[in-house]
Amino acid sequence: MGEFIDKAKGTADEVIGKAKVAIGEKTHDAELVAKGLAQEAKGHAEKIIGSAKGVLGDKL
């Protein structure tokens, strides 16, 4: 079950991160762009962890 939760959180973080980057670029807010990129990376990592849990059977 944790596999799907991690993947869902990862997808949400990636989408929110991309939105922050887009807004930051439009408003020339470098801090918001940086936060968005960090959140995208976090989302990507969560998705990888979710995939690993799927393979290992939630033992992570």
PDB file of N, CA and C in Angstrom:
ATOM      1  N   MET A   1       0.823  -1.198   0.000  1.00  0.00           N
ATOM      2  CA  MET A   1       0.000   0.000   0.000  1.00  0.00           C
ATOM      3  C   MET A   1       0.867   1.262   0.000  1.00  0.00           C
ATOM      4  N   GLY A   2       1.985   1.240   0.718  1.00  0.00           N
ATOM      5  CA  GLY A   2       2.854   2.403   0.778  1.00  0.00           C
ATOM      6  C   GLY A   2       3.396   2.800  -0.582  1.00  0.00           C
ATOM      7  N   GLU A   3       3.497   1.816  -1.456  1.00  0.00           N
ATOM      8  CA  GLU A   3       3.980   2.074  -2.811  1.00  0.00           C
ATOM      9  C   GLU A   3       3.105   3.121  -3.502  1.00  0.00           C
ATOM     10  N   PHE A   4       1.803   2.934  -3.434  1.00  0.00           N
ATOM     11  CA  PHE A   4       0.886   3.830  -4.129  1.00  0.00           C
ATOM     12  C   PHE A   4       0.838   5.208  -3.474  1.00  0.00           C
ATOM     13  N   ILE A   5       0.945   5.242  -2.161  1.00  0.00           N
ATOM     14  CA  ILE A   5       0.948   6.526  -1.444  1.00  0.00           C
ATOM     15  C   ILE A   5       2.178   7.334  -1.827  1.00  0.00           C
ATOM     16  N   ASP A   6       3.346   6.672  -1.829  1.00  0.00           N
ATOM     17  CA  ASP A   6       4.579   7.378  -2.189  1.00  0.00           C
ATOM     18  C   ASP A   6       4.541   7.875  -3.634  1.00  0.00           C
ATOM     19  N   LYS A   7       4.030   7.052  -4.527  1.00  0.00           N
ATOM     20  CA  LYS A   7       3.944   7.474  -5.924  1.00  0.00           C
ATOM     21  C   LYS A   7       2.976   8.646  -6.082  1.00  0.00           C
ATOM     22  N   ALA A   8       1.867   8.609  -5.361  1.00  0.00           N
ATOM     23  CA  ALA A   8       0.893   9.709  -5.437  1.00  0.00           C
ATOM     24  C   ALA A   8       1.475  10.995  -4.868  1.00  0.00           C
ATOM     25  N   LYS A   9       2.157  10.887  -3.724  1.00  0.00           N
ATOM     26  CA  LYS A   9       2.805  12.071  -3.144  1.00  0.00           C
ATOM     27  C   LYS A   9       3.856  12.623  -4.102  1.00  0.00           C
ATOM     28  N   GLY A  10       4.602  11.711  -4.718  1.00  0.00           N
ATOM     29  CA  GLY A  10       5.637  12.133  -5.667  1.00  0.00           C
ATOM     30  C   GLY A  10       5.063  12.880  -6.843  1.00  0.00           C
ATOM     31  N   THR A  11       3.983  12.358  -7.389  1.00  0.00           N
ATOM     32  CA  THR A  11       3.339  13.021  -8.517  1.00  0.00           C
ATOM     33  C   THR A  11       2.828  14.403  -8.109  1.00  0.00           C
ATOM     34  N   ALA A  12       2.217  14.480  -6.932  1.00  0.00           N
ATOM     35  CA  ALA A  12       1.698  15.765  -6.448  1.00  0.00           C
ATOM     36  C   ALA A  12       2.838  16.768  -6.270  1.00  0.00           C
ATOM     37  N   ASP A  13       3.940  16.323  -5.661  1.00  0.00           N
ATOM     38  CA  ASP A  13       5.069  17.229  -5.458  1.00  0.00           C
ATOM     39  C   ASP A  13       5.667  17.691  -6.790  1.00  0.00           C
ATOM     40  N   GLU A  14       5.734  16.790  -7.753  1.00  0.00           N
ATOM     41  CA  GLU A  14       6.263  17.188  -9.055  1.00  0.00           C
ATOM     42  C   GLU A  14       5.377  18.241  -9.722  1.00  0.00           C
ATOM     43  N   VAL A  15       4.072  18.043  -9.669  1.00  0.00           N
ATOM     44  CA  VAL A  15       3.143  18.992 -10.296  1.00  0.00           C
ATOM     45  C   VAL A  15       3.211  20.348  -9.600  1.00  0.00           C
ATOM     46  N   ILE A  16       3.203  20.344  -8.277  1.00  0.00           N
ATOM     47  CA  ILE A  16       3.274  21.600  -7.524  1.00  0.00           C
ATOM     48  C   ILE A  16       4.609  22.294  -7.782  1.00  0.00           C
ATOM     49  N   GLY A  17       5.684  21.509  -7.820  1.00  0.00           N
ATOM     50  CA  GLY A  17       7.004  22.069  -8.094  1.00  0.00           C
ATOM     51  C   GLY A  17       7.066  22.723  -9.460  1.00  0.00           C
ATOM     52  N   LYS A  18       6.492  22.064 -10.471  1.00  0.00           N
ATOM     53  CA  LYS A  18       6.485  22.632 -11.823  1.00  0.00           C
ATOM     54  C   LYS A  18       5.691  23.935 -11.862  1.00  0.00           C
ATOM     55  N   ALA A  19       4.600  23.976 -11.114  1.00  0.00           N
ATOM     56  CA  ALA A  19       3.799  25.205 -11.066  1.00  0.00           C
ATOM     57  C   ALA A  19       4.599  26.337 -10.415  1.00  0.00           C
ATOM     58  N   LYS A  20       5.309  26.020  -9.340  1.00  0.00           N
ATOM     59  CA  LYS A  20       6.131  27.046  -8.682  1.00  0.00           C
ATOM     60  C   LYS A  20       7.210  27.569  -9.622  1.00  0.00           C
ATOM     61  N   VAL A  21       7.831  26.660 -10.371  1.00  0.00           N
ATOM     62  CA  VAL A  21       8.875  27.075 -11.316  1.00  0.00           C
ATOM     63  C   VAL A  21       8.271  28.003 -12.368  1.00  0.00           C
ATOM     64  N   ALA A  22       7.127  27.631 -12.912  1.00  0.00           N
ATOM     65  CA  ALA A  22       6.491  28.448 -13.950  1.00  0.00           C
ATOM     66  C   ALA A  22       6.134  29.831 -13.422  1.00  0.00           C
ATOM     67  N   ILE A  23       5.560  29.876 -12.221  1.00  0.00           N
ATOM     68  CA  ILE A  23       5.191  31.169 -11.634  1.00  0.00           C
ATOM     69  C   ILE A  23       6.439  31.983 -11.334  1.00  0.00           C
ATOM     70  N   GLY A  24       7.447  31.335 -10.790  1.00  0.00           N
ATOM     71  CA  GLY A  24       8.691  32.019 -10.469  1.00  0.00           C
ATOM     72  C   GLY A  24       9.370  32.602 -11.694  1.00  0.00           C
ATOM     73  N   GLU A  25       9.327  31.851 -12.801  1.00  0.00           N
ATOM     74  CA  GLU A  25       9.925  32.362 -14.036  1.00  0.00           C
ATOM     75  C   GLU A  25       9.144  33.550 -14.578  1.00  0.00           C
ATOM     76  N   LYS A  26       7.833  33.497 -14.471  1.00  0.00           N
ATOM     77  CA  LYS A  26       7.008  34.620 -14.963  1.00  0.00           C
ATOM     78  C   LYS A  26       7.217  35.877 -14.125  1.00  0.00           C
ATOM     79  N   THR A  27       7.385  35.705 -12.813  1.00  0.00           N
ATOM     80  CA  THR A  27       7.519  36.848 -11.915  1.00  0.00           C
ATOM     81  C   THR A  27       8.978  37.199 -11.619  1.00  0.00           C
ATOM     82  N   HIS A  28       9.892  36.466 -12.242  1.00  0.00           N
ATOM     83  CA  HIS A  28      11.333  36.673 -12.037  1.00  0.00           C
ATOM     84  C   HIS A  28      11.713  36.505 -10.562  1.00  0.00           C
ATOM     85  N   ASP A  29      11.116  35.500  -9.923  1.00  0.00           N
ATOM     86  CA  ASP A  29      11.379  35.207  -8.515  1.00  0.00           C
ATOM     87  C   ASP A  29      12.282  33.979  -8.439  1.00  0.00           C
ATOM     88  N   ALA A  30      13.586  34.209  -8.317  1.00  0.00           N
ATOM     89  CA  ALA A  30      14.563  33.126  -8.316  1.00  0.00           C
ATOM     90  C   ALA A  30      14.370  32.185  -7.131  1.00  0.00           C
ATOM     91  N   GLU A  31      13.962  32.719  -5.998  1.00  0.00           N
ATOM     92  CA  GLU A  31      13.748  31.887  -4.815  1.00  0.00           C
ATOM     93  C   GLU A  31      12.601  30.895  -5.048  1.00  0.00           C
ATOM     94  N   LEU A  32      11.534  31.353  -5.671  1.00  0.00           N
ATOM     95  CA  LEU A  32      10.395  30.478  -5.957  1.00  0.00           C
ATOM     96  C   LEU A  32      10.778  29.407  -6.979  1.00  0.00           C
ATOM     97  N   VAL A  33      11.591  29.775  -7.954  1.00  0.00           N
ATOM     98  CA  VAL A  33      12.064  28.796  -8.931  1.00  0.00           C
ATOM     99  C   VAL A  33      12.888  27.725  -8.223  1.00  0.00           C
ATOM    100  N   ALA A  34      13.763  28.134  -7.337  1.00  0.00           N
ATOM    101  CA  ALA A  34      14.601  27.184  -6.607  1.00  0.00           C
ATOM    102  C   ALA A  34      13.756  26.249  -5.743  1.00  0.00           C
ATOM    103  N   LYS A  35      12.766  26.808  -5.069  1.00  0.00           N
ATOM    104  CA  LYS A  35      11.881  25.980  -4.253  1.00  0.00           C
ATOM    105  C   LYS A  35      11.101  24.993  -5.122  1.00  0.00           C
ATOM    106  N   GLY A  36      10.669  25.452  -6.278  1.00  0.00           N
ATOM    107  CA  GLY A  36       9.940  24.586  -7.197  1.00  0.00           C
ATOM    108  C   GLY A  36      10.803  23.442  -7.700  1.00  0.00           C
ATOM    109  N   LEU A  37      12.040  23.742  -8.049  1.00  0.00           N
ATOM    110  CA  LEU A  37      12.956  22.703  -8.512  1.00  0.00           C
ATOM    111  C   LEU A  37      13.236  21.686  -7.410  1.00  0.00           C
ATOM    112  N   ALA A  38      13.377  22.173  -6.187  1.00  0.00           N
ATOM    113  CA  ALA A  38      13.603  21.268  -5.054  1.00  0.00           C
ATOM    114  C   ALA A  38      12.396  20.368  -4.827  1.00  0.00           C
ATOM    115  N   GLN A  39      11.212  20.939  -4.947  1.00  0.00           N
ATOM    116  CA  GLN A  39      10.002  20.149  -4.738  1.00  0.00           C
ATOM    117  C   GLN A  39       9.829  19.120  -5.859  1.00  0.00           C
ATOM    118  N   GLU A  40      10.193  19.483  -7.074  1.00  0.00           N
ATOM    119  CA  GLU A  40      10.148  18.516  -8.172  1.00  0.00           C
ATOM    120  C   GLU A  40      11.099  17.353  -7.903  1.00  0.00           C
ATOM    121  N   ALA A  41      12.295  17.662  -7.434  1.00  0.00           N
ATOM    122  CA  ALA A  41      13.276  16.621  -7.131  1.00  0.00           C
ATOM    123  C   ALA A  41      12.778  15.712  -6.009  1.00  0.00           C
ATOM    124  N   LYS A  42      12.157  16.311  -5.001  1.00  0.00           N
ATOM    125  CA  LYS A  42      11.586  15.531  -3.899  1.00  0.00           C
ATOM    126  C   LYS A  42      10.514  14.582  -4.434  1.00  0.00           C
ATOM    127  N   GLY A  43       9.678  15.086  -5.324  1.00  0.00           N
ATOM    128  CA  GLY A  43       8.630  14.260  -5.914  1.00  0.00           C
ATOM    129  C   GLY A  43       9.200  13.104  -6.709  1.00  0.00           C
ATOM    130  N   HIS A  44      10.242  13.383  -7.454  1.00  0.00           N
ATOM    131  CA  HIS A  44      10.884  12.330  -8.233  1.00  0.00           C
ATOM    132  C   HIS A  44      11.446  11.252  -7.305  1.00  0.00           C
ATOM    133  N   ALA A  45      12.070  11.673  -6.213  1.00  0.00           N
ATOM    134  CA  ALA A  45      12.619  10.721  -5.247  1.00  0.00           C
ATOM    135  C   ALA A  45      11.509   9.884  -4.601  1.00  0.00           C
ATOM    136  N   GLU A  46      10.393  10.519  -4.278  1.00  0.00           N
ATOM    137  CA  GLU A  46       9.267   9.789  -3.684  1.00  0.00           C
ATOM    138  C   GLU A  46       8.733   8.727  -4.642  1.00  0.00           C
ATOM    139  N   LYS A  47       8.690   9.052  -5.909  1.00  0.00           N
ATOM    140  CA  LYS A  47       8.220   8.084  -6.901  1.00  0.00           C
ATOM    141  C   LYS A  47       9.183   6.903  -7.013  1.00  0.00           C
ATOM    142  N   ILE A  48      10.471   7.179  -6.932  1.00  0.00           N
ATOM    143  CA  ILE A  48      11.471   6.105  -6.975  1.00  0.00           C
ATOM    144  C   ILE A  48      11.330   5.207  -5.745  1.00  0.00           C
ATOM    145  N   ILE A  49      11.148   5.819  -4.584  1.00  0.00           N
ATOM    146  CA  ILE A  49      10.959   5.043  -3.350  1.00  0.00           C
ATOM    147  C   ILE A  49       9.702   4.180  -3.457  1.00  0.00           C
ATOM    148  N   GLY A  50       8.640   4.745  -4.001  1.00  0.00           N
ATOM    149  CA  GLY A  50       7.406   3.987  -4.188  1.00  0.00           C
ATOM    150  C   GLY A  50       7.611   2.791  -5.102  1.00  0.00           C
ATOM    151  N   SER A  51       8.367   2.986  -6.172  1.00  0.00           N
ATOM    152  CA  SER A  51       8.655   1.883  -7.083  1.00  0.00           C
ATOM    153  C   SER A  51       9.481   0.809  -6.387  1.00  0.00           C
ATOM    154  N   ALA A  52      10.444   1.239  -5.584  1.00  0.00           N
ATOM    155  CA  ALA A  52      11.274   0.284  -4.858  1.00  0.00           C
ATOM    156  C   ALA A  52      10.433  -0.515  -3.855  1.00  0.00           C
ATOM    157  N   LYS A  53       9.517   0.165  -3.201  1.00  0.00           N
ATOM    158  CA  LYS A  53       8.625  -0.536  -2.267  1.00  0.00           C
ATOM    159  C   LYS A  53       7.783  -1.574  -2.999  1.00  0.00           C
ATOM    160  N   GLY A  54       7.377  -1.247  -4.211  1.00  0.00           N
ATOM    161  CA  GLY A  54       6.597  -2.182  -4.999  1.00  0.00           C
ATOM    162  C   GLY A  54       7.395  -3.442  -5.305  1.00  0.00           C
ATOM    163  N   VAL A  55       8.659  -3.268  -5.612  1.00  0.00           N
ATOM    164  CA  VAL A  55       9.518  -4.404  -5.928  1.00  0.00           C
ATOM    165  C   VAL A  55       9.861  -5.197  -4.671  1.00  0.00           C
ATOM    166  N   LEU A  56      10.133  -4.487  -3.580  1.00  0.00           N
ATOM    167  CA  LEU A  56      10.559  -5.138  -2.344  1.00  0.00           C
ATOM    168  C   LEU A  56       9.407  -5.501  -1.413  1.00  0.00           C
ATOM    169  N   GLY A  57       8.223  -5.142  -1.774  1.00  0.00           N
ATOM    170  CA  GLY A  57       7.070  -5.504  -0.945  1.00  0.00           C
ATOM    171  C   GLY A  57       6.920  -4.669   0.304  1.00  0.00           C
ATOM    172  N   ASP A  58       7.058  -3.375   0.228  1.00  0.00           N
ATOM    173  CA  ASP A  58       6.857  -2.441   1.343  1.00  0.00           C
ATOM    174  C   ASP A  58       7.821  -2.671   2.507  1.00  0.00           C
ATOM    175  N   LYS A  59       8.980  -3.255   2.275  1.00  0.00           N
ATOM    176  CA  LYS A  59       9.930  -3.507   3.358  1.00  0.00           C
ATOM    177  C   LYS A  59      10.883  -2.338   3.592  1.00  0.00           C
ATOM    178  N   LEU A  60      10.743  -1.274   2.830  1.00  0.00           N
ATOM    179  CA  LEU A  60      11.573  -0.078   3.035  1.00  0.00           C
ATOM    180  C   LEU A  60      11.029   0.774   4.130  1.00  0.00           C
TER     181      LEU A  60
END
